[in-house]
Amino acid sequence: MKKKYMKAEEFDKKFDNGEDISEYFDLEKARRPGLEQKRVNVDFPIWMIKSLDKEAKRLGVTRQSIIKIWIAERLKHSSA
């Protein structure tokens, strides 16, 4: 794909007009600062894993998702 360049004013105008500007981005190099992932290992007691799995199944999500959701909620609540 040939790279396309334009002045910021033209880019802003296209964006403001609701035009598709995705062709002007190199999505191969796109990053989400502050949202990068880092793997961690946590050991849980069996009873806790069973409870997590039960709740995850009830909600229709994975164990990992329920852990992330609950930790995120707690961190938001703690920082308020």
PDB file of N, CA and C in Angstrom:
ATOM      1  N   MET A   1       0.842  -1.186   0.000  1.00  0.00           N
ATOM      2  CA  MET A   1       0.000   0.000   0.000  1.00  0.00           C
ATOM      3  C   MET A   1       0.880   1.239   0.000  1.00  0.00           C
ATOM      4  N   LYS A   2       0.589   2.137  -0.890  1.00  0.00           N
ATOM      5  CA  LYS A   2       1.354   3.380  -0.989  1.00  0.00           C
ATOM      6  C   LYS A   2       0.976   4.294   0.172  1.00  0.00           C
ATOM      7  N   LYS A   3       1.986   4.857   0.814  1.00  0.00           N
ATOM      8  CA  LYS A   3       1.728   5.769   1.930  1.00  0.00           C
ATOM      9  C   LYS A   3       1.151   7.063   1.401  1.00  0.00           C
ATOM     10  N   LYS A   4       0.156   7.574   2.117  1.00  0.00           N
ATOM     11  CA  LYS A   4      -0.476   8.826   1.742  1.00  0.00           C
ATOM     12  C   LYS A   4      -0.200   9.850   2.825  1.00  0.00           C
ATOM     13  N   TYR A   5       0.119  11.042   2.402  1.00  0.00           N
ATOM     14  CA  TYR A   5       0.411  12.123   3.337  1.00  0.00           C
ATOM     15  C   TYR A   5      -0.505  13.299   3.035  1.00  0.00           C
ATOM     16  N   MET A   6      -0.833  14.049   4.063  1.00  0.00           N
ATOM     17  CA  MET A   6      -1.629  15.260   3.891  1.00  0.00           C
ATOM     18  C   MET A   6      -1.348  16.180   5.061  1.00  0.00           C
ATOM     19  N   LYS A   7      -1.728  17.418   4.916  1.00  0.00           N
ATOM     20  CA  LYS A   7      -1.567  18.379   6.000  1.00  0.00           C
ATOM     21  C   LYS A   7      -2.592  18.086   7.085  1.00  0.00           C
ATOM     22  N   ALA A   8      -2.247  18.452   8.304  1.00  0.00           N
ATOM     23  CA  ALA A   8      -3.117  18.201   9.453  1.00  0.00           C
ATOM     24  C   ALA A   8      -4.486  18.837   9.263  1.00  0.00           C
ATOM     25  N   GLU A   9      -4.518  20.027   8.667  1.00  0.00           N
ATOM     26  CA  GLU A   9      -5.796  20.722   8.467  1.00  0.00           C
ATOM     27  C   GLU A   9      -6.720  19.916   7.568  1.00  0.00           C
ATOM     28  N   GLU A  10      -6.159  19.332   6.504  1.00  0.00           N
ATOM     29  CA  GLU A  10      -6.963  18.515   5.580  1.00  0.00           C
ATOM     30  C   GLU A  10      -7.449  17.243   6.289  1.00  0.00           C
ATOM     31  N   PHE A  11      -6.556  16.635   7.069  1.00  0.00           N
ATOM     32  CA  PHE A  11      -6.913  15.435   7.835  1.00  0.00           C
ATOM     33  C   PHE A  11      -8.061  15.747   8.802  1.00  0.00           C
ATOM     34  N   ASP A  12      -7.926  16.853   9.547  1.00  0.00           N
ATOM     35  CA  ASP A  12      -8.959  17.253  10.499  1.00  0.00           C
ATOM     36  C   ASP A  12     -10.298  17.487   9.799  1.00  0.00           C
ATOM     37  N   LYS A  13     -10.244  18.100   8.624  1.00  0.00           N
ATOM     38  CA  LYS A  13     -11.469  18.386   7.875  1.00  0.00           C
ATOM     39  C   LYS A  13     -12.161  17.088   7.463  1.00  0.00           C
ATOM     40  N   LYS A  14     -11.375  16.124   6.971  1.00  0.00           N
ATOM     41  CA  LYS A  14     -11.945  14.828   6.588  1.00  0.00           C
ATOM     42  C   LYS A  14     -12.588  14.154   7.807  1.00  0.00           C
ATOM     43  N   PHE A  15     -11.885  14.190   8.929  1.00  0.00           N
ATOM     44  CA  PHE A  15     -12.409  13.585  10.155  1.00  0.00           C
ATOM     45  C   PHE A  15     -13.705  14.266  10.580  1.00  0.00           C
ATOM     46  N   ASP A  16     -13.689  15.589  10.607  1.00  0.00           N
ATOM     47  CA  ASP A  16     -14.870  16.356  11.022  1.00  0.00           C
ATOM     48  C   ASP A  16     -16.062  16.115  10.105  1.00  0.00           C
ATOM     49  N   ASN A  17     -15.789  15.813   8.823  1.00  0.00           N
ATOM     50  CA  ASN A  17     -16.863  15.554   7.860  1.00  0.00           C
ATOM     51  C   ASN A  17     -17.337  14.101   7.907  1.00  0.00           C
ATOM     52  N   GLY A  18     -16.744  13.307   8.794  1.00  0.00           N
ATOM     53  CA  GLY A  18     -17.164  11.913   8.938  1.00  0.00           C
ATOM     54  C   GLY A  18     -16.614  10.985   7.869  1.00  0.00           C
ATOM     55  N   GLU A  19     -15.588  11.439   7.152  1.00  0.00           N
ATOM     56  CA  GLU A  19     -14.994  10.610   6.101  1.00  0.00           C
ATOM     57  C   GLU A  19     -14.134   9.505   6.725  1.00  0.00           C
ATOM     58  N   ASP A  20     -13.963   8.415   5.987  1.00  0.00           N
ATOM     59  CA  ASP A  20     -13.117   7.314   6.442  1.00  0.00           C
ATOM     60  C   ASP A  20     -11.655   7.733   6.312  1.00  0.00           C
ATOM     61  N   ILE A  21     -10.968   7.825   7.433  1.00  0.00           N
ATOM     62  CA  ILE A  21      -9.568   8.263   7.428  1.00  0.00           C
ATOM     63  C   ILE A  21      -8.621   7.108   7.764  1.00  0.00           C
ATOM     64  N   SER A  22      -9.154   5.891   7.829  1.00  0.00           N
ATOM     65  CA  SER A  22      -8.344   4.743   8.240  1.00  0.00           C
ATOM     66  C   SER A  22      -7.183   4.462   7.293  1.00  0.00           C
ATOM     67  N   GLU A  23      -7.309   4.842   6.028  1.00  0.00           N
ATOM     68  CA  GLU A  23      -6.224   4.593   5.079  1.00  0.00           C
ATOM     69  C   GLU A  23      -4.973   5.409   5.393  1.00  0.00           C
ATOM     70  N   TYR A  24      -5.094   6.397   6.252  1.00  0.00           N
ATOM     71  CA  TYR A  24      -3.964   7.257   6.601  1.00  0.00           C
ATOM     72  C   TYR A  24      -3.217   6.771   7.837  1.00  0.00           C
ATOM     73  N   PHE A  25      -3.653   5.654   8.394  1.00  0.00           N
ATOM     74  CA  PHE A  25      -3.007   5.090   9.579  1.00  0.00           C
ATOM     75  C   PHE A  25      -2.256   3.822   9.216  1.00  0.00           C
ATOM     76  N   ASP A  26      -1.120   3.612   9.856  1.00  0.00           N
ATOM     77  CA  ASP A  26      -0.384   2.358   9.728  1.00  0.00           C
ATOM     78  C   ASP A  26      -0.779   1.495  10.923  1.00  0.00           C
ATOM     79  N   LEU A  27      -1.820   0.694  10.755  1.00  0.00           N
ATOM     80  CA  LEU A  27      -2.366  -0.087  11.858  1.00  0.00           C
ATOM     81  C   LEU A  27      -1.443  -1.212  12.313  1.00  0.00           C
ATOM     82  N   GLU A  28      -0.458  -1.547  11.493  1.00  0.00           N
ATOM     83  CA  GLU A  28       0.523  -2.569  11.891  1.00  0.00           C
ATOM     84  C   GLU A  28       1.357  -2.091  13.087  1.00  0.00           C
ATOM     85  N   LYS A  29       1.521  -0.790  13.191  1.00  0.00           N
ATOM     86  CA  LYS A  29       2.353  -0.223  14.252  1.00  0.00           C
ATOM     87  C   LYS A  29       1.524   0.452  15.347  1.00  0.00           C
ATOM     88  N   ALA A  30       0.214   0.319  15.266  1.00  0.00           N
ATOM     89  CA  ALA A  30      -0.663   0.983  16.242  1.00  0.00           C
ATOM     90  C   ALA A  30      -0.478   0.373  17.631  1.00  0.00           C
ATOM     91  N   ARG A  31      -0.468   1.213  18.632  1.00  0.00           N
ATOM     92  CA  ARG A  31      -0.317   0.784  20.028  1.00  0.00           C
ATOM     93  C   ARG A  31      -1.360   1.484  20.865  1.00  0.00           C
ATOM     94  N   ARG A  32      -1.674   0.917  22.004  1.00  0.00           N
ATOM     95  CA  ARG A  32      -2.620   1.510  22.939  1.00  0.00           C
ATOM     96  C   ARG A  32      -1.867   1.798  24.231  1.00  0.00           C
ATOM     97  N   PRO A  33      -1.275   2.976  24.352  1.00  0.00           N
ATOM     98  CA  PRO A  33      -0.468   3.301  25.532  1.00  0.00           C
ATOM     99  C   PRO A  33      -1.242   3.089  26.829  1.00  0.00           C
ATOM    100  N   GLY A  34      -0.596   2.460  27.755  1.00  0.00           N
ATOM    101  CA  GLY A  34      -1.198   2.205  29.055  1.00  0.00           C
ATOM    102  C   GLY A  34      -2.099   0.986  29.086  1.00  0.00           C
ATOM    103  N   LEU A  35      -2.360   0.386  27.920  1.00  0.00           N
ATOM    104  CA  LEU A  35      -3.229  -0.782  27.862  1.00  0.00           C
ATOM    105  C   LEU A  35      -2.483  -2.028  27.385  1.00  0.00           C
ATOM    106  N   GLU A  36      -1.148  -1.929  27.320  1.00  0.00           N
ATOM    107  CA  GLU A  36      -0.375  -3.097  26.941  1.00  0.00           C
ATOM    108  C   GLU A  36      -0.611  -4.194  27.979  1.00  0.00           C
ATOM    109  N   GLN A  37      -0.465  -5.419  27.554  1.00  0.00           N
ATOM    110  CA  GLN A  37      -0.700  -6.551  28.438  1.00  0.00           C
ATOM    111  C   GLN A  37       0.628  -7.060  29.007  1.00  0.00           C
ATOM    112  N   LYS A  38       0.587  -7.539  30.220  1.00  0.00           N
ATOM    113  CA  LYS A  38       1.741  -8.199  30.844  1.00  0.00           C
ATOM    114  C   LYS A  38       1.200  -9.394  31.599  1.00  0.00           C
ATOM    115  N   ARG A  39       1.764 -10.529  31.334  1.00  0.00           N
ATOM    116  CA  ARG A  39       1.312 -11.761  31.971  1.00  0.00           C
ATOM    117  C   ARG A  39       1.855 -11.847  33.390  1.00  0.00           C
ATOM    118  N   VAL A  40       0.973 -12.230  34.313  1.00  0.00           N
ATOM    119  CA  VAL A  40       1.365 -12.476  35.699  1.00  0.00           C
ATOM    120  C   VAL A  40       0.787 -13.818  36.132  1.00  0.00           C
ATOM    121  N   ASN A  41       1.437 -14.441  37.047  1.00  0.00           N
ATOM    122  CA  ASN A  41       0.954 -15.706  37.595  1.00  0.00           C
ATOM    123  C   ASN A  41       0.476 -15.483  39.020  1.00  0.00           C
ATOM    124  N   VAL A  42      -0.696 -15.996  39.305  1.00  0.00           N
ATOM    125  CA  VAL A  42      -1.272 -15.864  40.644  1.00  0.00           C
ATOM    126  C   VAL A  42      -1.758 -17.239  41.068  1.00  0.00           C
ATOM    127  N   ASP A  43      -1.410 -17.631  42.263  1.00  0.00           N
ATOM    128  CA  ASP A  43      -1.879 -18.907  42.799  1.00  0.00           C
ATOM    129  C   ASP A  43      -3.117 -18.663  43.654  1.00  0.00           C
ATOM    130  N   PHE A  44      -4.194 -19.419  43.371  1.00  0.00           N
ATOM    131  CA  PHE A  44      -5.434 -19.325  44.127  1.00  0.00           C
ATOM    132  C   PHE A  44      -5.729 -20.667  44.772  1.00  0.00           C
ATOM    133  N   PRO A  45      -6.373 -20.650  45.938  1.00  0.00           N
ATOM    134  CA  PRO A  45      -6.821 -21.906  46.524  1.00  0.00           C
ATOM    135  C   PRO A  45      -7.918 -22.528  45.643  1.00  0.00           C
ATOM    136  N   ILE A  46      -8.025 -23.840  45.693  1.00  0.00           N
ATOM    137  CA  ILE A  46      -8.992 -24.566  44.867  1.00  0.00           C
ATOM    138  C   ILE A  46     -10.413 -24.038  45.070  1.00  0.00           C
ATOM    139  N   TRP A  47     -10.808 -23.779  46.324  1.00  0.00           N
ATOM    140  CA  TRP A  47     -12.177 -23.306  46.575  1.00  0.00           C
ATOM    141  C   TRP A  47     -12.449 -21.999  45.841  1.00  0.00           C
ATOM    142  N   MET A  48     -11.421 -21.142  45.736  1.00  0.00           N
ATOM    143  CA  MET A  48     -11.581 -19.858  45.076  1.00  0.00           C
ATOM    144  C   MET A  48     -11.721 -20.050  43.561  1.00  0.00           C
ATOM    145  N   ILE A  49     -10.946 -20.958  43.011  1.00  0.00           N
ATOM    146  CA  ILE A  49     -11.036 -21.250  41.577  1.00  0.00           C
ATOM    147  C   ILE A  49     -12.417 -21.800  41.239  1.00  0.00           C
ATOM    148  N   LYS A  50     -12.935 -22.685  42.082  1.00  0.00           N
ATOM    149  CA  LYS A  50     -14.278 -23.232  41.848  1.00  0.00           C
ATOM    150  C   LYS A  50     -15.325 -22.123  41.877  1.00  0.00           C
ATOM    151  N   SER A  51     -15.201 -21.214  42.830  1.00  0.00           N
ATOM    152  CA  SER A  51     -16.146 -20.098  42.919  1.00  0.00           C
ATOM    153  C   SER A  51     -16.018 -19.165  41.716  1.00  0.00           C
ATOM    154  N   LEU A  52     -14.784 -18.909  41.303  1.00  0.00           N
ATOM    155  CA  LEU A  52     -14.560 -18.077  40.119  1.00  0.00           C
ATOM    156  C   LEU A  52     -15.175 -18.722  38.882  1.00  0.00           C
ATOM    157  N   ASP A  53     -14.948 -20.017  38.717  1.00  0.00           N
ATOM    158  CA  ASP A  53     -15.488 -20.723  37.558  1.00  0.00           C
ATOM    159  C   ASP A  53     -17.015 -20.730  37.555  1.00  0.00           C
ATOM    160  N   LYS A  54     -17.605 -20.902  38.718  1.00  0.00           N
ATOM    161  CA  LYS A  54     -19.066 -20.898  38.837  1.00  0.00           C
ATOM    162  C   LYS A  54     -19.628 -19.534  38.433  1.00  0.00           C
ATOM    163  N   GLU A  55     -19.028 -18.479  38.938  1.00  0.00           N
ATOM    164  CA  GLU A  55     -19.492 -17.129  38.614  1.00  0.00           C
ATOM    165  C   GLU A  55     -19.228 -16.785  37.150  1.00  0.00           C
ATOM    166  N   ALA A  56     -18.077 -17.184  36.636  1.00  0.00           N
ATOM    167  CA  ALA A  56     -17.752 -16.928  35.226  1.00  0.00           C
ATOM    168  C   ALA A  56     -18.762 -17.637  34.319  1.00  0.00           C
ATOM    169  N   LYS A  57     -19.108 -18.870  34.653  1.00  0.00           N
ATOM    170  CA  LYS A  57     -20.086 -19.623  33.859  1.00  0.00           C
ATOM    171  C   LYS A  57     -21.452 -18.942  33.917  1.00  0.00           C
ATOM    172  N   ARG A  58     -21.835 -18.492  35.104  1.00  0.00           N
ATOM    173  CA  ARG A  58     -23.114 -17.810  35.266  1.00  0.00           C
ATOM    174  C   ARG A  58     -23.196 -16.561  34.393  1.00  0.00           C
ATOM    175  N   LEU A  59     -22.086 -15.828  34.314  1.00  0.00           N
ATOM    176  CA  LEU A  59     -22.038 -14.601  33.529  1.00  0.00           C
ATOM    177  C   LEU A  59     -21.708 -14.838  32.056  1.00  0.00           C
ATOM    178  N   GLY A  60     -21.283 -16.058  31.720  1.00  0.00           N
ATOM    179  CA  GLY A  60     -20.939 -16.369  30.335  1.00  0.00           C
ATOM    180  C   GLY A  60     -19.627 -15.792  29.879  1.00  0.00           C
ATOM    181  N   VAL A  61     -18.677 -15.715  30.821  1.00  0.00           N
ATOM    182  CA  VAL A  61     -17.340 -15.206  30.491  1.00  0.00           C
ATOM    183  C   VAL A  61     -16.288 -16.210  30.969  1.00  0.00           C
ATOM    184  N   THR A  62     -15.050 -15.958  30.643  1.00  0.00           N
ATOM    185  CA  THR A  62     -13.972 -16.844  31.082  1.00  0.00           C
ATOM    186  C   THR A  62     -13.543 -16.498  32.502  1.00  0.00           C
ATOM    187  N   ARG A  63     -12.837 -17.419  33.115  1.00  0.00           N
ATOM    188  CA  ARG A  63     -12.284 -17.172  34.457  1.00  0.00           C
ATOM    189  C   ARG A  63     -11.386 -15.940  34.430  1.00  0.00           C
ATOM    190  N   GLN A  64     -10.543 -15.848  33.419  1.00  0.00           N
ATOM    191  CA  GLN A  64      -9.626 -14.715  33.312  1.00  0.00           C
ATOM    192  C   GLN A  64     -10.405 -13.403  33.226  1.00  0.00           C
ATOM    193  N   SER A  65     -11.481 -13.406  32.471  1.00  0.00           N
ATOM    194  CA  SER A  65     -12.286 -12.187  32.331  1.00  0.00           C
ATOM    195  C   SER A  65     -12.890 -11.763  33.650  1.00  0.00           C
ATOM    196  N   ILE A  66     -13.441 -12.694  34.404  1.00  0.00           N
ATOM    197  CA  ILE A  66     -14.070 -12.333  35.674  1.00  0.00           C
ATOM    198  C   ILE A  66     -13.030 -11.784  36.646  1.00  0.00           C
ATOM    199  N   ILE A  67     -11.838 -12.360  36.633  1.00  0.00           N
ATOM    200  CA  ILE A  67     -10.765 -11.857  37.505  1.00  0.00           C
ATOM    201  C   ILE A  67     -10.400 -10.432  37.109  1.00  0.00           C
ATOM    202  N   LYS A  68     -10.236 -10.182  35.807  1.00  0.00           N
ATOM    203  CA  LYS A  68      -9.897  -8.836  35.336  1.00  0.00           C
ATOM    204  C   LYS A  68     -10.992  -7.834  35.684  1.00  0.00           C
ATOM    205  N   ILE A  69     -12.238  -8.223  35.457  1.00  0.00           N
ATOM    206  CA  ILE A  69     -13.365  -7.325  35.740  1.00  0.00           C
ATOM    207  C   ILE A  69     -13.388  -6.961  37.214  1.00  0.00           C
ATOM    208  N   TRP A  70     -13.298  -7.962  38.076  1.00  0.00           N
ATOM    209  CA  TRP A  70     -13.382  -7.703  39.511  1.00  0.00           C
ATOM    210  C   TRP A  70     -12.209  -6.866  40.013  1.00  0.00           C
ATOM    211  N   ILE A  71     -11.018  -7.149  39.529  1.00  0.00           N
ATOM    212  CA  ILE A  71      -9.852  -6.362  39.961  1.00  0.00           C
ATOM    213  C   ILE A  71      -9.985  -4.919  39.464  1.00  0.00           C
ATOM    214  N   ALA A  72     -10.419  -4.745  38.218  1.00  0.00           N
ATOM    215  CA  ALA A  72     -10.599  -3.390  37.679  1.00  0.00           C
ATOM    216  C   ALA A  72     -11.633  -2.619  38.488  1.00  0.00           C
ATOM    217  N   GLU A  73     -12.747  -3.280  38.822  1.00  0.00           N
ATOM    218  CA  GLU A  73     -13.767  -2.618  39.642  1.00  0.00           C
ATOM    219  C   GLU A  73     -13.203  -2.201  40.999  1.00  0.00           C
ATOM    220  N   ARG A  74     -12.455  -3.082  41.612  1.00  0.00           N
ATOM    221  CA  ARG A  74     -11.889  -2.778  42.921  1.00  0.00           C
ATOM    222  C   ARG A  74     -10.891  -1.618  42.846  1.00  0.00           C
ATOM    223  N   LEU A  75     -10.059  -1.628  41.811  1.00  0.00           N
ATOM    224  CA  LEU A  75      -9.078  -0.556  41.658  1.00  0.00           C
ATOM    225  C   LEU A  75      -9.750   0.788  41.392  1.00  0.00           C
ATOM    226  N   LYS A  76     -10.808   0.796  40.599  1.00  0.00           N
ATOM    227  CA  LYS A  76     -11.545   2.039  40.361  1.00  0.00           C
ATOM    228  C   LYS A  76     -12.184   2.534  41.650  1.00  0.00           C
ATOM    229  N   HIS A  77     -12.748   1.611  42.413  1.00  0.00           N
ATOM    230  CA  HIS A  77     -13.395   1.972  43.674  1.00  0.00           C
ATOM    231  C   HIS A  77     -12.357   2.513  44.684  1.00  0.00           C
ATOM    232  N   SER A  78     -11.194   1.910  44.705  1.00  0.00           N
ATOM    233  CA  SER A  78     -10.140   2.320  45.642  1.00  0.00           C
ATOM    234  C   SER A  78      -9.566   3.687  45.299  1.00  0.00           C
ATOM    235  N   SER A  79      -9.536   4.019  44.025  1.00  0.00           N
ATOM    236  CA  SER A  79      -8.930   5.289  43.617  1.00  0.00           C
ATOM    237  C   SER A  79      -9.928   6.445  43.666  1.00  0.00           C
ATOM    238  N   ALA A  80     -11.185   6.137  43.943  1.00  0.00           N
ATOM    239  CA  ALA A  80     -12.212   7.196  43.975  1.00  0.00           C
ATOM    240  C   ALA A  80     -12.158   7.994  45.251  1.00  0.00           C
TER     241      ALA A  80
END
